């Protein structure tokens, strides 16, 4: 969680997952 060097990698994975469902 706190590995700043790999934050871009973590962000991409979270973004991909959130894109699979609607907001509601």
PDBML (XML) file of the C-alpha atoms, coordinates in Angstrom:
<?xml version="1.0" encoding="UTF-8" ?>
<PDBx:datablock datablockName="MODEL"
   xmlns:PDBx="http://pdbml.pdb.org/schema/pdbx-v50.xsd"
   xmlns:xsi="http://www.w3.org/2001/XMLSchema-instance"
   xsi:schemaLocation="http://pdbml.pdb.org/schema/pdbx-v50.xsd pdbx-v50.xsd">
   <PDBx:atom_siteCategory>
      <PDBx:atom_site id="1">
         <PDBx:B_iso_or_equiv>0.00</PDBx:B_iso_or_equiv>
         <PDBx:Cartn_x>0.000</PDBx:Cartn_x>
         <PDBx:Cartn_y>0.000</PDBx:Cartn_y>
         <PDBx:Cartn_z>0.000</PDBx:Cartn_z>
         <PDBx:auth_asym_id>A</PDBx:auth_asym_id>
         <PDBx:auth_atom_id>CA</PDBx:auth_atom_id>
         <PDBx:auth_comp_id>UNK</PDBx:auth_comp_id>
         <PDBx:auth_seq_id>1</PDBx:auth_seq_id>
         <PDBx:group_PDB>ATOM</PDBx:group_PDB>
         <PDBx:label_alt_id xsi:nil="true" />
         <PDBx:label_asym_id>A</PDBx:label_asym_id>
         <PDBx:label_atom_id>CA</PDBx:label_atom_id>
         <PDBx:label_comp_id>UNK</PDBx:label_comp_id>
         <PDBx:label_entity_id>1</PDBx:label_entity_id>
         <PDBx:label_seq_id>1</PDBx:label_seq_id>
         <PDBx:occupancy>1.00</PDBx:occupancy>
         <PDBx:pdbx_PDB_model_num>1</PDBx:pdbx_PDB_model_num>
         <PDBx:type_symbol>C</PDBx:type_symbol>
      </PDBx:atom_site>
      <PDBx:atom_site id="2">
         <PDBx:B_iso_or_equiv>0.00</PDBx:B_iso_or_equiv>
         <PDBx:Cartn_x>2.705</PDBx:Cartn_x>
         <PDBx:Cartn_y>2.527</PDBx:Cartn_y>
         <PDBx:Cartn_z>0.877</PDBx:Cartn_z>
         <PDBx:auth_asym_id>A</PDBx:auth_asym_id>
         <PDBx:auth_atom_id>CA</PDBx:auth_atom_id>
         <PDBx:auth_comp_id>UNK</PDBx:auth_comp_id>
         <PDBx:auth_seq_id>2</PDBx:auth_seq_id>
         <PDBx:group_PDB>ATOM</PDBx:group_PDB>
         <PDBx:label_alt_id xsi:nil="true" />
         <PDBx:label_asym_id>A</PDBx:label_asym_id>
         <PDBx:label_atom_id>CA</PDBx:label_atom_id>
         <PDBx:label_comp_id>UNK</PDBx:label_comp_id>
         <PDBx:label_entity_id>1</PDBx:label_entity_id>
         <PDBx:label_seq_id>2</PDBx:label_seq_id>
         <PDBx:occupancy>1.00</PDBx:occupancy>
         <PDBx:pdbx_PDB_model_num>1</PDBx:pdbx_PDB_model_num>
         <PDBx:type_symbol>C</PDBx:type_symbol>
      </PDBx:atom_site>
      <PDBx:atom_site id="3">
         <PDBx:B_iso_or_equiv>0.00</PDBx:B_iso_or_equiv>
         <PDBx:Cartn_x>5.203</PDBx:Cartn_x>
         <PDBx:Cartn_y>1.596</PDBx:Cartn_y>
         <PDBx:Cartn_z>-1.844</PDBx:Cartn_z>
         <PDBx:auth_asym_id>A</PDBx:auth_asym_id>
         <PDBx:auth_atom_id>CA</PDBx:auth_atom_id>
         <PDBx:auth_comp_id>UNK</PDBx:auth_comp_id>
         <PDBx:auth_seq_id>3</PDBx:auth_seq_id>
         <PDBx:group_PDB>ATOM</PDBx:group_PDB>
         <PDBx:label_alt_id xsi:nil="true" />
         <PDBx:label_asym_id>A</PDBx:label_asym_id>
         <PDBx:label_atom_id>CA</PDBx:label_atom_id>
         <PDBx:label_comp_id>UNK</PDBx:label_comp_id>
         <PDBx:label_entity_id>1</PDBx:label_entity_id>
         <PDBx:label_seq_id>3</PDBx:label_seq_id>
         <PDBx:occupancy>1.00</PDBx:occupancy>
         <PDBx:pdbx_PDB_model_num>1</PDBx:pdbx_PDB_model_num>
         <PDBx:type_symbol>C</PDBx:type_symbol>
      </PDBx:atom_site>
      <PDBx:atom_site id="4">
         <PDBx:B_iso_or_equiv>0.00</PDBx:B_iso_or_equiv>
         <PDBx:Cartn_x>5.186</PDBx:Cartn_x>
         <PDBx:Cartn_y>4.929</PDBx:Cartn_y>
         <PDBx:Cartn_z>-3.654</PDBx:Cartn_z>
         <PDBx:auth_asym_id>A</PDBx:auth_asym_id>
         <PDBx:auth_atom_id>CA</PDBx:auth_atom_id>
         <PDBx:auth_comp_id>UNK</PDBx:auth_comp_id>
         <PDBx:auth_seq_id>4</PDBx:auth_seq_id>
         <PDBx:group_PDB>ATOM</PDBx:group_PDB>
         <PDBx:label_alt_id xsi:nil="true" />
         <PDBx:label_asym_id>A</PDBx:label_asym_id>
         <PDBx:label_atom_id>CA</PDBx:label_atom_id>
         <PDBx:label_comp_id>UNK</PDBx:label_comp_id>
         <PDBx:label_entity_id>1</PDBx:label_entity_id>
         <PDBx:label_seq_id>4</PDBx:label_seq_id>
         <PDBx:occupancy>1.00</PDBx:occupancy>
         <PDBx:pdbx_PDB_model_num>1</PDBx:pdbx_PDB_model_num>
         <PDBx:type_symbol>C</PDBx:type_symbol>
      </PDBx:atom_site>
      <PDBx:atom_site id="5">
         <PDBx:B_iso_or_equiv>0.00</PDBx:B_iso_or_equiv>
         <PDBx:Cartn_x>7.431</PDBx:Cartn_x>
         <PDBx:Cartn_y>3.682</PDBx:Cartn_y>
         <PDBx:Cartn_z>-6.447</PDBx:Cartn_z>
         <PDBx:auth_asym_id>A</PDBx:auth_asym_id>
         <PDBx:auth_atom_id>CA</PDBx:auth_atom_id>
         <PDBx:auth_comp_id>UNK</PDBx:auth_comp_id>
         <PDBx:auth_seq_id>5</PDBx:auth_seq_id>
         <PDBx:group_PDB>ATOM</PDBx:group_PDB>
         <PDBx:label_alt_id xsi:nil="true" />
         <PDBx:label_asym_id>A</PDBx:label_asym_id>
         <PDBx:label_atom_id>CA</PDBx:label_atom_id>
         <PDBx:label_comp_id>UNK</PDBx:label_comp_id>
         <PDBx:label_entity_id>1</PDBx:label_entity_id>
         <PDBx:label_seq_id>5</PDBx:label_seq_id>
         <PDBx:occupancy>1.00</PDBx:occupancy>
         <PDBx:pdbx_PDB_model_num>1</PDBx:pdbx_PDB_model_num>
         <PDBx:type_symbol>C</PDBx:type_symbol>
      </PDBx:atom_site>
      <PDBx:atom_site id="6">
         <PDBx:B_iso_or_equiv>0.00</PDBx:B_iso_or_equiv>
         <PDBx:Cartn_x>4.750</PDBx:Cartn_x>
         <PDBx:Cartn_y>1.177</PDBx:Cartn_y>
         <PDBx:Cartn_z>-7.446</PDBx:Cartn_z>
         <PDBx:auth_asym_id>A</PDBx:auth_asym_id>
         <PDBx:auth_atom_id>CA</PDBx:auth_atom_id>
         <PDBx:auth_comp_id>UNK</PDBx:auth_comp_id>
         <PDBx:auth_seq_id>6</PDBx:auth_seq_id>
         <PDBx:group_PDB>ATOM</PDBx:group_PDB>
         <PDBx:label_alt_id xsi:nil="true" />
         <PDBx:label_asym_id>A</PDBx:label_asym_id>
         <PDBx:label_atom_id>CA</PDBx:label_atom_id>
         <PDBx:label_comp_id>UNK</PDBx:label_comp_id>
         <PDBx:label_entity_id>1</PDBx:label_entity_id>
         <PDBx:label_seq_id>6</PDBx:label_seq_id>
         <PDBx:occupancy>1.00</PDBx:occupancy>
         <PDBx:pdbx_PDB_model_num>1</PDBx:pdbx_PDB_model_num>
         <PDBx:type_symbol>C</PDBx:type_symbol>
      </PDBx:atom_site>
      <PDBx:atom_site id="7">
         <PDBx:B_iso_or_equiv>0.00</PDBx:B_iso_or_equiv>
         <PDBx:Cartn_x>1.715</PDBx:Cartn_x>
         <PDBx:Cartn_y>3.411</PDBx:Cartn_y>
         <PDBx:Cartn_z>-6.935</PDBx:Cartn_z>
         <PDBx:auth_asym_id>A</PDBx:auth_asym_id>
         <PDBx:auth_atom_id>CA</PDBx:auth_atom_id>
         <PDBx:auth_comp_id>UNK</PDBx:auth_comp_id>
         <PDBx:auth_seq_id>7</PDBx:auth_seq_id>
         <PDBx:group_PDB>ATOM</PDBx:group_PDB>
         <PDBx:label_alt_id xsi:nil="true" />
         <PDBx:label_asym_id>A</PDBx:label_asym_id>
         <PDBx:label_atom_id>CA</PDBx:label_atom_id>
         <PDBx:label_comp_id>UNK</PDBx:label_comp_id>
         <PDBx:label_entity_id>1</PDBx:label_entity_id>
         <PDBx:label_seq_id>7</PDBx:label_seq_id>
         <PDBx:occupancy>1.00</PDBx:occupancy>
         <PDBx:pdbx_PDB_model_num>1</PDBx:pdbx_PDB_model_num>
         <PDBx:type_symbol>C</PDBx:type_symbol>
      </PDBx:atom_site>
      <PDBx:atom_site id="8">
         <PDBx:B_iso_or_equiv>0.00</PDBx:B_iso_or_equiv>
         <PDBx:Cartn_x>1.208</PDBx:Cartn_x>
         <PDBx:Cartn_y>3.769</PDBx:Cartn_y>
         <PDBx:Cartn_z>-10.728</PDBx:Cartn_z>
         <PDBx:auth_asym_id>A</PDBx:auth_asym_id>
         <PDBx:auth_atom_id>CA</PDBx:auth_atom_id>
         <PDBx:auth_comp_id>UNK</PDBx:auth_comp_id>
         <PDBx:auth_seq_id>8</PDBx:auth_seq_id>
         <PDBx:group_PDB>ATOM</PDBx:group_PDB>
         <PDBx:label_alt_id xsi:nil="true" />
         <PDBx:label_asym_id>A</PDBx:label_asym_id>
         <PDBx:label_atom_id>CA</PDBx:label_atom_id>
         <PDBx:label_comp_id>UNK</PDBx:label_comp_id>
         <PDBx:label_entity_id>1</PDBx:label_entity_id>
         <PDBx:label_seq_id>8</PDBx:label_seq_id>
         <PDBx:occupancy>1.00</PDBx:occupancy>
         <PDBx:pdbx_PDB_model_num>1</PDBx:pdbx_PDB_model_num>
         <PDBx:type_symbol>C</PDBx:type_symbol>
      </PDBx:atom_site>
      <PDBx:atom_site id="9">
         <PDBx:B_iso_or_equiv>0.00</PDBx:B_iso_or_equiv>
         <PDBx:Cartn_x>0.945</PDBx:Cartn_x>
         <PDBx:Cartn_y>-0.020</PDBx:Cartn_y>
         <PDBx:Cartn_z>-11.010</PDBx:Cartn_z>
         <PDBx:auth_asym_id>A</PDBx:auth_asym_id>
         <PDBx:auth_atom_id>CA</PDBx:auth_atom_id>
         <PDBx:auth_comp_id>UNK</PDBx:auth_comp_id>
         <PDBx:auth_seq_id>9</PDBx:auth_seq_id>
         <PDBx:group_PDB>ATOM</PDBx:group_PDB>
         <PDBx:label_alt_id xsi:nil="true" />
         <PDBx:label_asym_id>A</PDBx:label_asym_id>
         <PDBx:label_atom_id>CA</PDBx:label_atom_id>
         <PDBx:label_comp_id>UNK</PDBx:label_comp_id>
         <PDBx:label_entity_id>1</PDBx:label_entity_id>
         <PDBx:label_seq_id>9</PDBx:label_seq_id>
         <PDBx:occupancy>1.00</PDBx:occupancy>
         <PDBx:pdbx_PDB_model_num>1</PDBx:pdbx_PDB_model_num>
         <PDBx:type_symbol>C</PDBx:type_symbol>
      </PDBx:atom_site>
      <PDBx:atom_site id="10">
         <PDBx:B_iso_or_equiv>0.00</PDBx:B_iso_or_equiv>
         <PDBx:Cartn_x>-1.568</PDBx:Cartn_x>
         <PDBx:Cartn_y>-0.199</PDBx:Cartn_y>
         <PDBx:Cartn_z>-8.149</PDBx:Cartn_z>
         <PDBx:auth_asym_id>A</PDBx:auth_asym_id>
         <PDBx:auth_atom_id>CA</PDBx:auth_atom_id>
         <PDBx:auth_comp_id>UNK</PDBx:auth_comp_id>
         <PDBx:auth_seq_id>10</PDBx:auth_seq_id>
         <PDBx:group_PDB>ATOM</PDBx:group_PDB>
         <PDBx:label_alt_id xsi:nil="true" />
         <PDBx:label_asym_id>A</PDBx:label_asym_id>
         <PDBx:label_atom_id>CA</PDBx:label_atom_id>
         <PDBx:label_comp_id>UNK</PDBx:label_comp_id>
         <PDBx:label_entity_id>1</PDBx:label_entity_id>
         <PDBx:label_seq_id>10</PDBx:label_seq_id>
         <PDBx:occupancy>1.00</PDBx:occupancy>
         <PDBx:pdbx_PDB_model_num>1</PDBx:pdbx_PDB_model_num>
         <PDBx:type_symbol>C</PDBx:type_symbol>
      </PDBx:atom_site>
      <PDBx:atom_site id="11">
         <PDBx:B_iso_or_equiv>0.00</PDBx:B_iso_or_equiv>
         <PDBx:Cartn_x>-3.605</PDBx:Cartn_x>
         <PDBx:Cartn_y>2.653</PDBx:Cartn_y>
         <PDBx:Cartn_z>-9.627</PDBx:Cartn_z>
         <PDBx:auth_asym_id>A</PDBx:auth_asym_id>
         <PDBx:auth_atom_id>CA</PDBx:auth_atom_id>
         <PDBx:auth_comp_id>UNK</PDBx:auth_comp_id>
         <PDBx:auth_seq_id>11</PDBx:auth_seq_id>
         <PDBx:group_PDB>ATOM</PDBx:group_PDB>
         <PDBx:label_alt_id xsi:nil="true" />
         <PDBx:label_asym_id>A</PDBx:label_asym_id>
         <PDBx:label_atom_id>CA</PDBx:label_atom_id>
         <PDBx:label_comp_id>UNK</PDBx:label_comp_id>
         <PDBx:label_entity_id>1</PDBx:label_entity_id>
         <PDBx:label_seq_id>11</PDBx:label_seq_id>
         <PDBx:occupancy>1.00</PDBx:occupancy>
         <PDBx:pdbx_PDB_model_num>1</PDBx:pdbx_PDB_model_num>
         <PDBx:type_symbol>C</PDBx:type_symbol>
      </PDBx:atom_site>
      <PDBx:atom_site id="12">
         <PDBx:B_iso_or_equiv>0.00</PDBx:B_iso_or_equiv>
         <PDBx:Cartn_x>-3.879</PDBx:Cartn_x>
         <PDBx:Cartn_y>0.912</PDBx:Cartn_y>
         <PDBx:Cartn_z>-12.998</PDBx:Cartn_z>
         <PDBx:auth_asym_id>A</PDBx:auth_asym_id>
         <PDBx:auth_atom_id>CA</PDBx:auth_atom_id>
         <PDBx:auth_comp_id>UNK</PDBx:auth_comp_id>
         <PDBx:auth_seq_id>12</PDBx:auth_seq_id>
         <PDBx:group_PDB>ATOM</PDBx:group_PDB>
         <PDBx:label_alt_id xsi:nil="true" />
         <PDBx:label_asym_id>A</PDBx:label_asym_id>
         <PDBx:label_atom_id>CA</PDBx:label_atom_id>
         <PDBx:label_comp_id>UNK</PDBx:label_comp_id>
         <PDBx:label_entity_id>1</PDBx:label_entity_id>
         <PDBx:label_seq_id>12</PDBx:label_seq_id>
         <PDBx:occupancy>1.00</PDBx:occupancy>
         <PDBx:pdbx_PDB_model_num>1</PDBx:pdbx_PDB_model_num>
         <PDBx:type_symbol>C</PDBx:type_symbol>
      </PDBx:atom_site>
      <PDBx:atom_site id="13">
         <PDBx:B_iso_or_equiv>0.00</PDBx:B_iso_or_equiv>
         <PDBx:Cartn_x>-5.197</PDBx:Cartn_x>
         <PDBx:Cartn_y>-2.239</PDBx:Cartn_y>
         <PDBx:Cartn_z>-11.343</PDBx:Cartn_z>
         <PDBx:auth_asym_id>A</PDBx:auth_asym_id>
         <PDBx:auth_atom_id>CA</PDBx:auth_atom_id>
         <PDBx:auth_comp_id>UNK</PDBx:auth_comp_id>
         <PDBx:auth_seq_id>13</PDBx:auth_seq_id>
         <PDBx:group_PDB>ATOM</PDBx:group_PDB>
         <PDBx:label_alt_id xsi:nil="true" />
         <PDBx:label_asym_id>A</PDBx:label_asym_id>
         <PDBx:label_atom_id>CA</PDBx:label_atom_id>
         <PDBx:label_comp_id>UNK</PDBx:label_comp_id>
         <PDBx:label_entity_id>1</PDBx:label_entity_id>
         <PDBx:label_seq_id>13</PDBx:label_seq_id>
         <PDBx:occupancy>1.00</PDBx:occupancy>
         <PDBx:pdbx_PDB_model_num>1</PDBx:pdbx_PDB_model_num>
         <PDBx:type_symbol>C</PDBx:type_symbol>
      </PDBx:atom_site>
      <PDBx:atom_site id="14">
         <PDBx:B_iso_or_equiv>0.00</PDBx:B_iso_or_equiv>
         <PDBx:Cartn_x>-7.775</PDBx:Cartn_x>
         <PDBx:Cartn_y>-0.337</PDBx:Cartn_y>
         <PDBx:Cartn_z>-9.294</PDBx:Cartn_z>
         <PDBx:auth_asym_id>A</PDBx:auth_asym_id>
         <PDBx:auth_atom_id>CA</PDBx:auth_atom_id>
         <PDBx:auth_comp_id>UNK</PDBx:auth_comp_id>
         <PDBx:auth_seq_id>14</PDBx:auth_seq_id>
         <PDBx:group_PDB>ATOM</PDBx:group_PDB>
         <PDBx:label_alt_id xsi:nil="true" />
         <PDBx:label_asym_id>A</PDBx:label_asym_id>
         <PDBx:label_atom_id>CA</PDBx:label_atom_id>
         <PDBx:label_comp_id>UNK</PDBx:label_comp_id>
         <PDBx:label_entity_id>1</PDBx:label_entity_id>
         <PDBx:label_seq_id>14</PDBx:label_seq_id>
         <PDBx:occupancy>1.00</PDBx:occupancy>
         <PDBx:pdbx_PDB_model_num>1</PDBx:pdbx_PDB_model_num>
         <PDBx:type_symbol>C</PDBx:type_symbol>
      </PDBx:atom_site>
      <PDBx:atom_site id="15">
         <PDBx:B_iso_or_equiv>0.00</PDBx:B_iso_or_equiv>
         <PDBx:Cartn_x>-8.879</PDBx:Cartn_x>
         <PDBx:Cartn_y>1.663</PDBx:Cartn_y>
         <PDBx:Cartn_z>-12.327</PDBx:Cartn_z>
         <PDBx:auth_asym_id>A</PDBx:auth_asym_id>
         <PDBx:auth_atom_id>CA</PDBx:auth_atom_id>
         <PDBx:auth_comp_id>UNK</PDBx:auth_comp_id>
         <PDBx:auth_seq_id>15</PDBx:auth_seq_id>
         <PDBx:group_PDB>ATOM</PDBx:group_PDB>
         <PDBx:label_alt_id xsi:nil="true" />
         <PDBx:label_asym_id>A</PDBx:label_asym_id>
         <PDBx:label_atom_id>CA</PDBx:label_atom_id>
         <PDBx:label_comp_id>UNK</PDBx:label_comp_id>
         <PDBx:label_entity_id>1</PDBx:label_entity_id>
         <PDBx:label_seq_id>15</PDBx:label_seq_id>
         <PDBx:occupancy>1.00</PDBx:occupancy>
         <PDBx:pdbx_PDB_model_num>1</PDBx:pdbx_PDB_model_num>
         <PDBx:type_symbol>C</PDBx:type_symbol>
      </PDBx:atom_site>
      <PDBx:atom_site id="16">
         <PDBx:B_iso_or_equiv>0.00</PDBx:B_iso_or_equiv>
         <PDBx:Cartn_x>-9.337</PDBx:Cartn_x>
         <PDBx:Cartn_y>-1.482</PDBx:Cartn_y>
         <PDBx:Cartn_z>-14.437</PDBx:Cartn_z>
         <PDBx:auth_asym_id>A</PDBx:auth_asym_id>
         <PDBx:auth_atom_id>CA</PDBx:auth_atom_id>
         <PDBx:auth_comp_id>UNK</PDBx:auth_comp_id>
         <PDBx:auth_seq_id>16</PDBx:auth_seq_id>
         <PDBx:group_PDB>ATOM</PDBx:group_PDB>
         <PDBx:label_alt_id xsi:nil="true" />
         <PDBx:label_asym_id>A</PDBx:label_asym_id>
         <PDBx:label_atom_id>CA</PDBx:label_atom_id>
         <PDBx:label_comp_id>UNK</PDBx:label_comp_id>
         <PDBx:label_entity_id>1</PDBx:label_entity_id>
         <PDBx:label_seq_id>16</PDBx:label_seq_id>
         <PDBx:occupancy>1.00</PDBx:occupancy>
         <PDBx:pdbx_PDB_model_num>1</PDBx:pdbx_PDB_model_num>
         <PDBx:type_symbol>C</PDBx:type_symbol>
      </PDBx:atom_site>
      <PDBx:atom_site id="17">
         <PDBx:B_iso_or_equiv>0.00</PDBx:B_iso_or_equiv>
         <PDBx:Cartn_x>-11.463</PDBx:Cartn_x>
         <PDBx:Cartn_y>-3.073</PDBx:Cartn_y>
         <PDBx:Cartn_z>-11.756</PDBx:Cartn_z>
         <PDBx:auth_asym_id>A</PDBx:auth_asym_id>
         <PDBx:auth_atom_id>CA</PDBx:auth_atom_id>
         <PDBx:auth_comp_id>UNK</PDBx:auth_comp_id>
         <PDBx:auth_seq_id>17</PDBx:auth_seq_id>
         <PDBx:group_PDB>ATOM</PDBx:group_PDB>
         <PDBx:label_alt_id xsi:nil="true" />
         <PDBx:label_asym_id>A</PDBx:label_asym_id>
         <PDBx:label_atom_id>CA</PDBx:label_atom_id>
         <PDBx:label_comp_id>UNK</PDBx:label_comp_id>
         <PDBx:label_entity_id>1</PDBx:label_entity_id>
         <PDBx:label_seq_id>17</PDBx:label_seq_id>
         <PDBx:occupancy>1.00</PDBx:occupancy>
         <PDBx:pdbx_PDB_model_num>1</PDBx:pdbx_PDB_model_num>
         <PDBx:type_symbol>C</PDBx:type_symbol>
      </PDBx:atom_site>
      <PDBx:atom_site id="18">
         <PDBx:B_iso_or_equiv>0.00</PDBx:B_iso_or_equiv>
         <PDBx:Cartn_x>-13.688</PDBx:Cartn_x>
         <PDBx:Cartn_y>-0.063</PDBx:Cartn_y>
         <PDBx:Cartn_z>-11.114</PDBx:Cartn_z>
         <PDBx:auth_asym_id>A</PDBx:auth_asym_id>
         <PDBx:auth_atom_id>CA</PDBx:auth_atom_id>
         <PDBx:auth_comp_id>UNK</PDBx:auth_comp_id>
         <PDBx:auth_seq_id>18</PDBx:auth_seq_id>
         <PDBx:group_PDB>ATOM</PDBx:group_PDB>
         <PDBx:label_alt_id xsi:nil="true" />
         <PDBx:label_asym_id>A</PDBx:label_asym_id>
         <PDBx:label_atom_id>CA</PDBx:label_atom_id>
         <PDBx:label_comp_id>UNK</PDBx:label_comp_id>
         <PDBx:label_entity_id>1</PDBx:label_entity_id>
         <PDBx:label_seq_id>18</PDBx:label_seq_id>
         <PDBx:occupancy>1.00</PDBx:occupancy>
         <PDBx:pdbx_PDB_model_num>1</PDBx:pdbx_PDB_model_num>
         <PDBx:type_symbol>C</PDBx:type_symbol>
      </PDBx:atom_site>
      <PDBx:atom_site id="19">
         <PDBx:B_iso_or_equiv>0.00</PDBx:B_iso_or_equiv>
         <PDBx:Cartn_x>-14.372</PDBx:Cartn_x>
         <PDBx:Cartn_y>0.104</PDBx:Cartn_y>
         <PDBx:Cartn_z>-14.854</PDBx:Cartn_z>
         <PDBx:auth_asym_id>A</PDBx:auth_asym_id>
         <PDBx:auth_atom_id>CA</PDBx:auth_atom_id>
         <PDBx:auth_comp_id>UNK</PDBx:auth_comp_id>
         <PDBx:auth_seq_id>19</PDBx:auth_seq_id>
         <PDBx:group_PDB>ATOM</PDBx:group_PDB>
         <PDBx:label_alt_id xsi:nil="true" />
         <PDBx:label_asym_id>A</PDBx:label_asym_id>
         <PDBx:label_atom_id>CA</PDBx:label_atom_id>
         <PDBx:label_comp_id>UNK</PDBx:label_comp_id>
         <PDBx:label_entity_id>1</PDBx:label_entity_id>
         <PDBx:label_seq_id>19</PDBx:label_seq_id>
         <PDBx:occupancy>1.00</PDBx:occupancy>
         <PDBx:pdbx_PDB_model_num>1</PDBx:pdbx_PDB_model_num>
         <PDBx:type_symbol>C</PDBx:type_symbol>
      </PDBx:atom_site>
      <PDBx:atom_site id="20">
         <PDBx:B_iso_or_equiv>0.00</PDBx:B_iso_or_equiv>
         <PDBx:Cartn_x>-16.150</PDBx:Cartn_x>
         <PDBx:Cartn_y>-3.262</PDBx:Cartn_y>
         <PDBx:Cartn_z>-14.705</PDBx:Cartn_z>
         <PDBx:auth_asym_id>A</PDBx:auth_asym_id>
         <PDBx:auth_atom_id>CA</PDBx:auth_atom_id>
         <PDBx:auth_comp_id>UNK</PDBx:auth_comp_id>
         <PDBx:auth_seq_id>20</PDBx:auth_seq_id>
         <PDBx:group_PDB>ATOM</PDBx:group_PDB>
         <PDBx:label_alt_id xsi:nil="true" />
         <PDBx:label_asym_id>A</PDBx:label_asym_id>
         <PDBx:label_atom_id>CA</PDBx:label_atom_id>
         <PDBx:label_comp_id>UNK</PDBx:label_comp_id>
         <PDBx:label_entity_id>1</PDBx:label_entity_id>
         <PDBx:label_seq_id>20</PDBx:label_seq_id>
         <PDBx:occupancy>1.00</PDBx:occupancy>
         <PDBx:pdbx_PDB_model_num>1</PDBx:pdbx_PDB_model_num>
         <PDBx:type_symbol>C</PDBx:type_symbol>
      </PDBx:atom_site>
      <PDBx:atom_site id="21">
         <PDBx:B_iso_or_equiv>0.00</PDBx:B_iso_or_equiv>
         <PDBx:Cartn_x>-19.296</PDBx:Cartn_x>
         <PDBx:Cartn_y>-1.980</PDBx:Cartn_y>
         <PDBx:Cartn_z>-12.943</PDBx:Cartn_z>
         <PDBx:auth_asym_id>A</PDBx:auth_asym_id>
         <PDBx:auth_atom_id>CA</PDBx:auth_atom_id>
         <PDBx:auth_comp_id>UNK</PDBx:auth_comp_id>
         <PDBx:auth_seq_id>21</PDBx:auth_seq_id>
         <PDBx:group_PDB>ATOM</PDBx:group_PDB>
         <PDBx:label_alt_id xsi:nil="true" />
         <PDBx:label_asym_id>A</PDBx:label_asym_id>
         <PDBx:label_atom_id>CA</PDBx:label_atom_id>
         <PDBx:label_comp_id>UNK</PDBx:label_comp_id>
         <PDBx:label_entity_id>1</PDBx:label_entity_id>
         <PDBx:label_seq_id>21</PDBx:label_seq_id>
         <PDBx:occupancy>1.00</PDBx:occupancy>
         <PDBx:pdbx_PDB_model_num>1</PDBx:pdbx_PDB_model_num>
         <PDBx:type_symbol>C</PDBx:type_symbol>
      </PDBx:atom_site>
      <PDBx:atom_site id="22">
         <PDBx:B_iso_or_equiv>0.00</PDBx:B_iso_or_equiv>
         <PDBx:Cartn_x>-21.422</PDBx:Cartn_x>
         <PDBx:Cartn_y>1.141</PDBx:Cartn_y>
         <PDBx:Cartn_z>-12.847</PDBx:Cartn_z>
         <PDBx:auth_asym_id>A</PDBx:auth_asym_id>
         <PDBx:auth_atom_id>CA</PDBx:auth_atom_id>
         <PDBx:auth_comp_id>UNK</PDBx:auth_comp_id>
         <PDBx:auth_seq_id>22</PDBx:auth_seq_id>
         <PDBx:group_PDB>ATOM</PDBx:group_PDB>
         <PDBx:label_alt_id xsi:nil="true" />
         <PDBx:label_asym_id>A</PDBx:label_asym_id>
         <PDBx:label_atom_id>CA</PDBx:label_atom_id>
         <PDBx:label_comp_id>UNK</PDBx:label_comp_id>
         <PDBx:label_entity_id>1</PDBx:label_entity_id>
         <PDBx:label_seq_id>22</PDBx:label_seq_id>
         <PDBx:occupancy>1.00</PDBx:occupancy>
         <PDBx:pdbx_PDB_model_num>1</PDBx:pdbx_PDB_model_num>
         <PDBx:type_symbol>C</PDBx:type_symbol>
      </PDBx:atom_site>
      <PDBx:atom_site id="23">
         <PDBx:B_iso_or_equiv>0.00</PDBx:B_iso_or_equiv>
         <PDBx:Cartn_x>-21.161</PDBx:Cartn_x>
         <PDBx:Cartn_y>3.733</PDBx:Cartn_y>
         <PDBx:Cartn_z>-10.113</PDBx:Cartn_z>
         <PDBx:auth_asym_id>A</PDBx:auth_asym_id>
         <PDBx:auth_atom_id>CA</PDBx:auth_atom_id>
         <PDBx:auth_comp_id>UNK</PDBx:auth_comp_id>
         <PDBx:auth_seq_id>23</PDBx:auth_seq_id>
         <PDBx:group_PDB>ATOM</PDBx:group_PDB>
         <PDBx:label_alt_id xsi:nil="true" />
         <PDBx:label_asym_id>A</PDBx:label_asym_id>
         <PDBx:label_atom_id>CA</PDBx:label_atom_id>
         <PDBx:label_comp_id>UNK</PDBx:label_comp_id>
         <PDBx:label_entity_id>1</PDBx:label_entity_id>
         <PDBx:label_seq_id>23</PDBx:label_seq_id>
         <PDBx:occupancy>1.00</PDBx:occupancy>
         <PDBx:pdbx_PDB_model_num>1</PDBx:pdbx_PDB_model_num>
         <PDBx:type_symbol>C</PDBx:type_symbol>
      </PDBx:atom_site>
      <PDBx:atom_site id="24">
         <PDBx:B_iso_or_equiv>0.00</PDBx:B_iso_or_equiv>
         <PDBx:Cartn_x>-24.407</PDBx:Cartn_x>
         <PDBx:Cartn_y>2.678</PDBx:Cartn_y>
         <PDBx:Cartn_z>-8.450</PDBx:Cartn_z>
         <PDBx:auth_asym_id>A</PDBx:auth_asym_id>
         <PDBx:auth_atom_id>CA</PDBx:auth_atom_id>
         <PDBx:auth_comp_id>UNK</PDBx:auth_comp_id>
         <PDBx:auth_seq_id>24</PDBx:auth_seq_id>
         <PDBx:group_PDB>ATOM</PDBx:group_PDB>
         <PDBx:label_alt_id xsi:nil="true" />
         <PDBx:label_asym_id>A</PDBx:label_asym_id>
         <PDBx:label_atom_id>CA</PDBx:label_atom_id>
         <PDBx:label_comp_id>UNK</PDBx:label_comp_id>
         <PDBx:label_entity_id>1</PDBx:label_entity_id>
         <PDBx:label_seq_id>24</PDBx:label_seq_id>
         <PDBx:occupancy>1.00</PDBx:occupancy>
         <PDBx:pdbx_PDB_model_num>1</PDBx:pdbx_PDB_model_num>
         <PDBx:type_symbol>C</PDBx:type_symbol>
      </PDBx:atom_site>
   </PDBx:atom_siteCategory>
</PDBx:datablock>
